[in-house]
Amino acid sequence: MANKVAKKNELRFRRKLRIRKKISGTAERPRLSVFRSARHITAQVIDDVTGKTLVAVNSYEVGSRANKDVCTKVGKDLAAKCKAAKIDAVVFDKNGYRYHGRIAALAAGARDGGLNF
């Protein structure tokens, strides 16, 4: 079973590298990177030119396991923090994950909060 998980992570890492060759965040339009674990989800807005994280939000702050509802709240929290930091538009980096389920819920929450992808 461990071999199957390792293979799955290796394939995701390859997809991630392929995507990162094309996507880069700037000061005007930073990159929104998402990490999904088995229990939680983390999103951060990164300026790749300076290599700094501008805004970060995770499901630990909500206090419960990251289901679709919690991910939508995380996306809205991220959008609110981005508005406070004067960030209107981002480039979405799904980090090798499928745009489905919790990833799509986070993106929908961020869009509902006023962030442009």
N, C-alpha and C. Protein backbone atom coordinates (compact mmCIF):
# COMPACT_ATOMS: atom_id res chain seq x y z
N MET A 1 0.83 -1.20 0.00
CA MET A 1 0.00 0.00 0.00
C MET A 1 0.86 1.26 0.00
N ALA A 2 1.97 1.22 0.74
CA ALA A 2 2.84 2.39 0.81
C ALA A 2 3.44 2.69 -0.56
N ASN A 3 3.70 1.67 -1.35
CA ASN A 3 4.26 1.87 -2.67
C ASN A 3 3.26 2.60 -3.58
N LYS A 4 1.98 2.30 -3.42
CA LYS A 4 0.94 2.94 -4.23
C LYS A 4 0.84 4.43 -3.88
N VAL A 5 0.94 4.76 -2.60
CA VAL A 5 0.88 6.15 -2.16
C VAL A 5 2.11 6.91 -2.65
N ALA A 6 3.27 6.27 -2.59
CA ALA A 6 4.50 6.92 -3.06
C ALA A 6 4.40 7.20 -4.55
N LYS A 7 3.86 6.27 -5.31
CA LYS A 7 3.71 6.46 -6.75
C LYS A 7 2.74 7.61 -7.05
N LYS A 8 1.67 7.67 -6.29
CA LYS A 8 0.67 8.74 -6.47
C LYS A 8 1.29 10.11 -6.19
N ASN A 9 2.08 10.20 -5.12
CA ASN A 9 2.73 11.47 -4.78
C ASN A 9 3.78 11.85 -5.81
N GLU A 10 4.48 10.85 -6.36
CA GLU A 10 5.48 11.11 -7.39
C GLU A 10 4.82 11.67 -8.65
N LEU A 11 3.69 11.11 -9.04
CA LEU A 11 2.96 11.60 -10.21
C LEU A 11 2.44 13.02 -9.98
N ARG A 12 1.96 13.30 -8.77
CA ARG A 12 1.50 14.65 -8.45
C ARG A 12 2.66 15.64 -8.51
N PHE A 13 3.82 15.21 -8.02
CA PHE A 13 4.99 16.08 -8.04
C PHE A 13 5.42 16.39 -9.48
N ARG A 14 5.34 15.41 -10.36
CA ARG A 14 5.66 15.65 -11.77
C ARG A 14 4.69 16.64 -12.40
N ARG A 15 3.38 16.48 -12.10
CA ARG A 15 2.39 17.43 -12.61
C ARG A 15 2.66 18.82 -12.07
N LYS A 16 3.04 18.89 -10.80
CA LYS A 16 3.34 20.17 -10.16
C LYS A 16 4.50 20.88 -10.87
N LEU A 17 5.56 20.15 -11.16
CA LEU A 17 6.71 20.75 -11.84
C LEU A 17 6.34 21.20 -13.25
N ARG A 18 5.53 20.42 -13.93
CA ARG A 18 5.11 20.79 -15.28
C ARG A 18 4.30 22.07 -15.27
N ILE A 19 3.46 22.22 -14.27
CA ILE A 19 2.63 23.42 -14.14
C ILE A 19 3.49 24.62 -13.75
N ARG A 20 4.44 24.41 -12.82
CA ARG A 20 5.25 25.52 -12.31
C ARG A 20 6.19 26.09 -13.36
N LYS A 21 6.48 25.32 -14.43
CA LYS A 21 7.28 25.86 -15.52
C LYS A 21 6.52 26.97 -16.24
N LYS A 22 5.20 26.89 -16.22
CA LYS A 22 4.36 27.84 -16.96
C LYS A 22 3.80 28.95 -16.08
N ILE A 23 3.59 28.67 -14.80
CA ILE A 23 2.93 29.62 -13.89
C ILE A 23 3.96 30.27 -12.98
N SER A 24 3.87 31.59 -12.87
CA SER A 24 4.73 32.32 -11.94
C SER A 24 3.96 33.53 -11.43
N GLY A 25 4.13 33.85 -10.16
CA GLY A 25 3.45 34.98 -9.57
C GLY A 25 4.31 36.22 -9.58
N THR A 26 3.68 37.37 -9.82
CA THR A 26 4.38 38.65 -9.79
C THR A 26 3.79 39.50 -8.69
N ALA A 27 4.29 40.70 -8.53
CA ALA A 27 3.76 41.60 -7.50
C ALA A 27 2.35 42.04 -7.87
N GLU A 28 2.09 42.24 -9.18
CA GLU A 28 0.75 42.66 -9.61
C GLU A 28 -0.25 41.52 -9.55
N ARG A 29 0.21 40.31 -9.88
CA ARG A 29 -0.67 39.14 -9.91
C ARG A 29 0.07 37.95 -9.28
N PRO A 30 0.03 37.84 -7.95
CA PRO A 30 0.76 36.76 -7.27
C PRO A 30 0.11 35.39 -7.51
N ARG A 31 0.83 34.36 -7.12
CA ARG A 31 0.38 32.99 -7.32
C ARG A 31 -0.34 32.49 -6.07
N LEU A 32 -1.53 31.91 -6.25
CA LEU A 32 -2.29 31.30 -5.16
C LEU A 32 -2.00 29.81 -5.19
N SER A 33 -1.21 29.33 -4.25
CA SER A 33 -0.81 27.93 -4.18
C SER A 33 -1.62 27.22 -3.11
N VAL A 34 -2.10 26.02 -3.45
CA VAL A 34 -2.95 25.24 -2.56
C VAL A 34 -2.25 23.93 -2.21
N PHE A 35 -2.27 23.56 -0.93
CA PHE A 35 -1.78 22.25 -0.50
C PHE A 35 -2.90 21.53 0.22
N ARG A 36 -3.12 20.29 -0.17
CA ARG A 36 -4.20 19.50 0.41
C ARG A 36 -3.59 18.27 1.07
N SER A 37 -3.85 18.09 2.35
CA SER A 37 -3.44 16.87 3.02
C SER A 37 -4.69 16.03 3.25
N ALA A 38 -4.53 14.94 3.95
CA ALA A 38 -5.68 14.06 4.18
C ALA A 38 -6.73 14.73 5.06
N ARG A 39 -6.30 15.61 5.97
CA ARG A 39 -7.24 16.23 6.91
C ARG A 39 -7.43 17.72 6.72
N HIS A 40 -6.45 18.42 6.22
CA HIS A 40 -6.50 19.88 6.17
C HIS A 40 -6.15 20.41 4.79
N ILE A 41 -6.35 21.70 4.64
CA ILE A 41 -5.99 22.38 3.39
C ILE A 41 -5.33 23.71 3.74
N THR A 42 -4.33 24.08 2.96
CA THR A 42 -3.60 25.31 3.17
C THR A 42 -3.50 26.06 1.86
N ALA A 43 -3.69 27.37 1.90
CA ALA A 43 -3.56 28.20 0.71
C ALA A 43 -2.68 29.39 1.05
N GLN A 44 -1.79 29.74 0.13
CA GLN A 44 -0.95 30.90 0.33
C GLN A 44 -0.77 31.65 -0.97
N VAL A 45 -0.66 32.96 -0.85
CA VAL A 45 -0.46 33.83 -2.00
C VAL A 45 1.01 34.24 -1.99
N ILE A 46 1.71 33.94 -3.10
CA ILE A 46 3.16 34.06 -3.15
C ILE A 46 3.58 34.99 -4.29
N ASP A 47 4.51 35.88 -3.99
CA ASP A 47 5.17 36.69 -5.01
C ASP A 47 6.47 35.98 -5.36
N ASP A 48 6.51 35.35 -6.54
CA ASP A 48 7.68 34.54 -6.91
C ASP A 48 8.89 35.38 -7.28
N VAL A 49 8.70 36.64 -7.61
CA VAL A 49 9.84 37.49 -7.96
C VAL A 49 10.71 37.74 -6.73
N THR A 50 10.07 38.07 -5.61
CA THR A 50 10.81 38.30 -4.37
C THR A 50 10.92 37.04 -3.52
N GLY A 51 10.10 36.02 -3.81
CA GLY A 51 10.14 34.78 -3.05
C GLY A 51 9.49 34.89 -1.69
N LYS A 52 8.48 35.76 -1.56
CA LYS A 52 7.84 35.97 -0.26
C LYS A 52 6.38 35.56 -0.30
N THR A 53 5.92 35.03 0.82
CA THR A 53 4.51 34.73 0.99
C THR A 53 3.82 35.98 1.49
N LEU A 54 2.79 36.43 0.76
CA LEU A 54 2.09 37.65 1.09
C LEU A 54 0.93 37.39 2.06
N VAL A 55 0.17 36.34 1.79
CA VAL A 55 -1.00 35.99 2.61
C VAL A 55 -1.05 34.47 2.73
N ALA A 56 -1.39 33.96 3.90
CA ALA A 56 -1.54 32.52 4.09
C ALA A 56 -2.75 32.24 4.97
N VAL A 57 -3.49 31.19 4.61
CA VAL A 57 -4.67 30.77 5.36
C VAL A 57 -4.69 29.25 5.35
N ASN A 58 -5.18 28.64 6.45
CA ASN A 58 -5.32 27.20 6.47
C ASN A 58 -6.56 26.78 7.24
N SER A 59 -6.89 25.51 7.16
CA SER A 59 -8.09 25.01 7.82
C SER A 59 -7.87 24.76 9.30
N TYR A 60 -6.63 24.84 9.78
CA TYR A 60 -6.37 24.70 11.22
C TYR A 60 -7.05 25.84 11.98
N GLU A 61 -7.12 27.02 11.35
CA GLU A 61 -7.73 28.19 12.00
C GLU A 61 -9.22 27.99 12.22
N VAL A 62 -9.87 27.27 11.31
CA VAL A 62 -11.30 26.99 11.47
C VAL A 62 -11.50 25.98 12.58
N GLY A 63 -10.56 25.04 12.72
CA GLY A 63 -10.59 24.13 13.85
C GLY A 63 -11.20 22.78 13.57
N SER A 64 -11.61 22.52 12.36
CA SER A 64 -12.19 21.21 12.07
C SER A 64 -11.57 20.65 10.80
N ARG A 65 -11.88 19.42 10.54
CA ARG A 65 -11.36 18.75 9.35
C ARG A 65 -11.85 19.44 8.09
N ALA A 66 -11.02 19.51 7.08
CA ALA A 66 -11.32 20.27 5.87
C ALA A 66 -12.25 19.49 4.95
N ASN A 67 -13.55 19.76 5.07
CA ASN A 67 -14.49 19.25 4.08
C ASN A 67 -14.80 20.40 3.12
N LYS A 68 -15.76 20.21 2.22
CA LYS A 68 -16.03 21.24 1.22
C LYS A 68 -16.49 22.55 1.84
N ASP A 69 -17.31 22.48 2.89
CA ASP A 69 -17.79 23.70 3.54
C ASP A 69 -16.65 24.47 4.20
N VAL A 70 -15.78 23.76 4.87
CA VAL A 70 -14.63 24.40 5.52
C VAL A 70 -13.70 25.00 4.47
N CYS A 71 -13.52 24.31 3.36
CA CYS A 71 -12.66 24.82 2.29
C CYS A 71 -13.24 26.09 1.67
N THR A 72 -14.56 26.16 1.56
CA THR A 72 -15.19 27.38 1.06
C THR A 72 -14.93 28.54 2.02
N LYS A 73 -15.02 28.28 3.34
CA LYS A 73 -14.73 29.31 4.33
C LYS A 73 -13.27 29.75 4.26
N VAL A 74 -12.37 28.80 4.05
CA VAL A 74 -10.95 29.13 3.93
C VAL A 74 -10.73 30.02 2.71
N GLY A 75 -11.39 29.71 1.61
CA GLY A 75 -11.28 30.54 0.41
C GLY A 75 -11.80 31.95 0.64
N LYS A 76 -12.91 32.08 1.36
CA LYS A 76 -13.45 33.42 1.66
C LYS A 76 -12.52 34.19 2.60
N ASP A 77 -11.95 33.49 3.59
CA ASP A 77 -10.98 34.13 4.48
C ASP A 77 -9.75 34.60 3.73
N LEU A 78 -9.31 33.78 2.79
CA LEU A 78 -8.16 34.14 1.96
C LEU A 78 -8.47 35.39 1.13
N ALA A 79 -9.66 35.44 0.55
CA ALA A 79 -10.04 36.60 -0.26
C ALA A 79 -10.10 37.86 0.60
N ALA A 80 -10.61 37.74 1.83
CA ALA A 80 -10.69 38.90 2.72
C ALA A 80 -9.29 39.40 3.09
N LYS A 81 -8.37 38.47 3.38
CA LYS A 81 -7.00 38.86 3.70
C LYS A 81 -6.30 39.48 2.50
N CYS A 82 -6.60 38.96 1.31
CA CYS A 82 -6.01 39.53 0.09
C CYS A 82 -6.53 40.93 -0.16
N LYS A 83 -7.82 41.16 0.09
CA LYS A 83 -8.38 42.50 -0.07
C LYS A 83 -7.72 43.47 0.90
N ALA A 84 -7.46 43.01 2.12
CA ALA A 84 -6.79 43.86 3.11
C ALA A 84 -5.36 44.17 2.68
N ALA A 85 -4.72 43.24 1.96
CA ALA A 85 -3.36 43.45 1.48
C ALA A 85 -3.34 44.10 0.08
N LYS A 86 -4.52 44.53 -0.39
CA LYS A 86 -4.66 45.20 -1.70
C LYS A 86 -4.26 44.30 -2.87
N ILE A 87 -4.68 43.03 -2.79
CA ILE A 87 -4.45 42.08 -3.88
C ILE A 87 -5.82 41.76 -4.48
N ASP A 88 -5.98 42.04 -5.78
CA ASP A 88 -7.26 41.82 -6.44
C ASP A 88 -7.26 40.57 -7.31
N ALA A 89 -6.15 40.30 -7.99
CA ALA A 89 -6.09 39.20 -8.94
C ALA A 89 -4.92 38.29 -8.62
N VAL A 90 -5.12 37.00 -8.82
CA VAL A 90 -4.08 36.00 -8.57
C VAL A 90 -4.04 35.00 -9.72
N VAL A 91 -2.95 34.25 -9.78
CA VAL A 91 -2.82 33.12 -10.68
C VAL A 91 -3.02 31.87 -9.84
N PHE A 92 -3.96 31.01 -10.22
CA PHE A 92 -4.31 29.84 -9.41
C PHE A 92 -3.38 28.68 -9.72
N ASP A 93 -2.69 28.20 -8.70
CA ASP A 93 -1.80 27.04 -8.81
C ASP A 93 -2.38 25.93 -7.96
N LYS A 94 -2.99 24.95 -8.60
CA LYS A 94 -3.62 23.86 -7.86
C LYS A 94 -2.64 22.80 -7.41
N ASN A 95 -1.35 23.02 -7.72
CA ASN A 95 -0.25 22.24 -7.15
C ASN A 95 -0.29 20.76 -7.54
N GLY A 96 -0.77 20.45 -8.73
CA GLY A 96 -0.80 19.07 -9.20
C GLY A 96 -2.05 18.32 -8.83
N TYR A 97 -2.94 18.92 -8.06
CA TYR A 97 -4.19 18.26 -7.68
C TYR A 97 -5.24 18.49 -8.77
N ARG A 98 -6.24 17.62 -8.81
CA ARG A 98 -7.35 17.80 -9.74
C ARG A 98 -8.23 18.94 -9.26
N TYR A 99 -8.80 19.68 -10.20
CA TYR A 99 -9.72 20.77 -9.84
C TYR A 99 -11.07 20.13 -9.55
N HIS A 100 -11.21 19.63 -8.33
CA HIS A 100 -12.37 18.84 -7.97
C HIS A 100 -12.49 18.83 -6.46
N GLY A 101 -13.69 18.76 -5.95
CA GLY A 101 -13.90 18.60 -4.51
C GLY A 101 -13.43 19.77 -3.69
N ARG A 102 -12.48 19.52 -2.78
CA ARG A 102 -12.03 20.55 -1.84
C ARG A 102 -11.26 21.67 -2.53
N ILE A 103 -10.50 21.34 -3.57
CA ILE A 103 -9.75 22.36 -4.31
C ILE A 103 -10.72 23.30 -5.01
N ALA A 104 -11.73 22.75 -5.66
CA ALA A 104 -12.73 23.56 -6.36
C ALA A 104 -13.55 24.39 -5.36
N ALA A 105 -13.82 23.83 -4.18
CA ALA A 105 -14.58 24.56 -3.17
C ALA A 105 -13.78 25.75 -2.66
N LEU A 106 -12.48 25.58 -2.45
CA LEU A 106 -11.63 26.69 -2.02
C LEU A 106 -11.60 27.77 -3.09
N ALA A 107 -11.46 27.38 -4.35
CA ALA A 107 -11.43 28.35 -5.45
C ALA A 107 -12.75 29.11 -5.55
N ALA A 108 -13.86 28.39 -5.38
CA ALA A 108 -15.18 29.04 -5.44
C ALA A 108 -15.34 30.02 -4.28
N GLY A 109 -14.87 29.66 -3.10
CA GLY A 109 -14.94 30.57 -1.95
C GLY A 109 -14.11 31.82 -2.17
N ALA A 110 -12.93 31.65 -2.78
CA ALA A 110 -12.07 32.81 -3.06
C ALA A 110 -12.71 33.71 -4.09
N ARG A 111 -13.34 33.12 -5.10
CA ARG A 111 -14.03 33.92 -6.11
C ARG A 111 -15.23 34.65 -5.51
N ASP A 112 -15.97 33.96 -4.64
CA ASP A 112 -17.11 34.61 -3.97
C ASP A 112 -16.65 35.75 -3.08
N GLY A 113 -15.47 35.64 -2.53
CA GLY A 113 -14.90 36.71 -1.71
C GLY A 113 -14.40 37.90 -2.50
N GLY A 114 -14.35 37.78 -3.83
CA GLY A 114 -13.96 38.90 -4.66
C GLY A 114 -12.61 38.80 -5.33
N LEU A 115 -11.96 37.65 -5.25
CA LEU A 115 -10.65 37.47 -5.88
C LEU A 115 -10.85 37.09 -7.35
N ASN A 116 -10.04 37.65 -8.23
CA ASN A 116 -10.10 37.32 -9.66
C ASN A 116 -8.99 36.36 -10.03
N PHE A 117 -9.36 35.31 -10.76
CA PHE A 117 -8.37 34.32 -11.22
C PHE A 117 -8.10 34.58 -12.68
